N, C-alpha and C. Protein backbone atom coordinates (compact mmCIF):
# COMPACT_ATOMS: atom_id res chain seq x y z
N MET A 1 16.31 4.38 16.10
CA MET A 1 16.80 5.37 15.15
C MET A 1 16.22 6.73 15.49
N ASP A 2 17.06 7.70 15.34
CA ASP A 2 16.54 9.05 15.54
C ASP A 2 16.07 9.61 14.20
N ALA A 3 15.56 10.81 14.21
CA ALA A 3 14.97 11.41 13.01
C ALA A 3 16.00 11.56 11.89
N ILE A 4 17.23 11.94 12.24
CA ILE A 4 18.27 12.13 11.22
C ILE A 4 18.61 10.79 10.56
N GLU A 5 18.72 9.74 11.34
CA GLU A 5 19.01 8.42 10.78
C GLU A 5 17.87 7.96 9.86
N LYS A 6 16.64 8.21 10.29
CA LYS A 6 15.48 7.86 9.45
C LYS A 6 15.51 8.65 8.14
N TRP A 7 15.80 9.94 8.25
CA TRP A 7 15.87 10.79 7.06
C TRP A 7 16.95 10.28 6.11
N ASN A 8 18.14 9.99 6.66
CA ASN A 8 19.24 9.50 5.83
C ASN A 8 18.88 8.18 5.15
N GLU A 9 18.23 7.28 5.87
CA GLU A 9 17.82 6.01 5.29
C GLU A 9 16.80 6.24 4.17
N ALA A 10 15.89 7.15 4.38
CA ALA A 10 14.90 7.46 3.35
C ALA A 10 15.58 8.02 2.10
N MET A 11 16.57 8.87 2.28
CA MET A 11 17.27 9.45 1.13
C MET A 11 18.08 8.38 0.39
N VAL A 12 18.70 7.46 1.11
CA VAL A 12 19.45 6.38 0.48
C VAL A 12 18.51 5.52 -0.35
N ARG A 13 17.36 5.19 0.21
CA ARG A 13 16.39 4.35 -0.52
C ARG A 13 15.83 5.10 -1.73
N ALA A 14 15.52 6.37 -1.56
CA ALA A 14 14.99 7.15 -2.68
C ALA A 14 16.01 7.24 -3.81
N ASN A 15 17.27 7.44 -3.45
CA ASN A 15 18.32 7.53 -4.46
C ASN A 15 18.48 6.20 -5.20
N ALA A 16 18.47 5.10 -4.45
CA ALA A 16 18.59 3.78 -5.08
C ALA A 16 17.41 3.52 -6.00
N ASN A 17 16.23 3.90 -5.56
CA ASN A 17 15.03 3.72 -6.37
C ASN A 17 15.12 4.56 -7.65
N HIS A 18 15.59 5.79 -7.50
CA HIS A 18 15.76 6.67 -8.67
C HIS A 18 16.76 6.07 -9.65
N GLU A 19 17.87 5.60 -9.15
CA GLU A 19 18.89 5.01 -10.02
C GLU A 19 18.35 3.80 -10.75
N ALA A 20 17.54 3.00 -10.08
CA ALA A 20 16.95 1.83 -10.72
C ALA A 20 15.99 2.25 -11.83
N ARG A 21 15.21 3.30 -11.59
CA ARG A 21 14.29 3.79 -12.62
C ARG A 21 15.05 4.35 -13.81
N VAL A 22 16.13 5.06 -13.55
CA VAL A 22 16.95 5.61 -14.63
C VAL A 22 17.55 4.47 -15.47
N LYS A 23 18.08 3.46 -14.81
CA LYS A 23 18.67 2.33 -15.54
C LYS A 23 17.61 1.62 -16.36
N ASP A 24 16.41 1.47 -15.80
CA ASP A 24 15.33 0.82 -16.53
C ASP A 24 14.94 1.65 -17.75
N ALA A 25 14.87 2.96 -17.57
CA ALA A 25 14.53 3.84 -18.70
C ALA A 25 15.62 3.78 -19.77
N GLN A 26 16.87 3.74 -19.36
CA GLN A 26 17.97 3.64 -20.33
C GLN A 26 17.90 2.33 -21.10
N ARG A 27 17.55 1.25 -20.41
CA ARG A 27 17.41 -0.05 -21.06
C ARG A 27 16.28 -0.01 -22.09
N LEU A 28 15.16 0.58 -21.70
CA LEU A 28 14.02 0.68 -22.62
C LEU A 28 14.36 1.54 -23.83
N LEU A 29 15.07 2.63 -23.61
CA LEU A 29 15.49 3.48 -24.73
C LEU A 29 16.43 2.73 -25.67
N ALA A 30 17.34 1.96 -25.12
CA ALA A 30 18.26 1.17 -25.94
C ALA A 30 17.48 0.15 -26.78
N GLU A 31 16.48 -0.49 -26.17
CA GLU A 31 15.65 -1.44 -26.91
C GLU A 31 14.88 -0.73 -28.03
N ALA A 32 14.33 0.43 -27.71
CA ALA A 32 13.58 1.19 -28.72
C ALA A 32 14.49 1.60 -29.86
N LYS A 33 15.71 2.02 -29.55
CA LYS A 33 16.66 2.42 -30.60
C LYS A 33 17.01 1.22 -31.48
N GLU A 34 17.19 0.07 -30.88
CA GLU A 34 17.52 -1.12 -31.65
C GLU A 34 16.37 -1.47 -32.61
N ILE A 35 15.14 -1.40 -32.13
CA ILE A 35 13.98 -1.67 -32.98
C ILE A 35 13.91 -0.65 -34.11
N TYR A 36 14.08 0.62 -33.76
CA TYR A 36 14.05 1.70 -34.77
C TYR A 36 15.14 1.47 -35.83
N ASP A 37 16.35 1.17 -35.38
CA ASP A 37 17.45 0.96 -36.32
C ASP A 37 17.17 -0.22 -37.25
N ASN A 38 16.61 -1.30 -36.69
CA ASN A 38 16.27 -2.46 -37.51
C ASN A 38 15.19 -2.12 -38.52
N ASP A 39 14.16 -1.40 -38.07
CA ASP A 39 13.09 -0.99 -38.99
C ASP A 39 13.64 -0.10 -40.10
N LEU A 40 14.48 0.84 -39.73
CA LEU A 40 15.06 1.74 -40.72
C LEU A 40 15.91 0.98 -41.73
N ARG A 41 16.68 0.02 -41.27
CA ARG A 41 17.50 -0.78 -42.17
C ARG A 41 16.61 -1.54 -43.15
N HIS A 42 15.51 -2.12 -42.67
CA HIS A 42 14.60 -2.85 -43.56
C HIS A 42 13.96 -1.91 -44.58
N ILE A 43 13.58 -0.73 -44.14
CA ILE A 43 13.00 0.26 -45.06
C ILE A 43 14.01 0.64 -46.13
N GLN A 44 15.25 0.87 -45.74
CA GLN A 44 16.30 1.22 -46.71
C GLN A 44 16.55 0.07 -47.68
N GLU A 45 16.56 -1.16 -47.17
CA GLU A 45 16.77 -2.31 -48.05
C GLU A 45 15.62 -2.43 -49.04
N ASP A 46 14.39 -2.27 -48.56
CA ASP A 46 13.22 -2.33 -49.45
C ASP A 46 13.27 -1.22 -50.49
N TRP A 47 13.68 -0.04 -50.05
CA TRP A 47 13.77 1.10 -50.97
C TRP A 47 14.80 0.82 -52.07
N ASN A 48 15.94 0.29 -51.65
CA ASN A 48 17.00 -0.01 -52.62
C ASN A 48 16.57 -1.10 -53.61
N LYS A 49 15.79 -2.07 -53.15
CA LYS A 49 15.30 -3.13 -54.03
C LYS A 49 14.29 -2.60 -55.04
N SER A 50 13.55 -1.58 -54.66
CA SER A 50 12.49 -1.06 -55.53
C SER A 50 13.01 -0.13 -56.61
N LYS A 51 14.26 0.25 -56.53
CA LYS A 51 14.83 1.16 -57.54
C LYS A 51 15.04 0.47 -58.86
């Protein structure tokens, strides 16, 4: 491989790695939102029961 091929391979790998990190972060955010929504629903239910 020449330098350009090595550079291109490095960029392809870096991009794939970045995309994987972004997808993982999106998954974690979705999980956090689901937990938050569930907690909020329970708080609202408890609040409504206490009225």
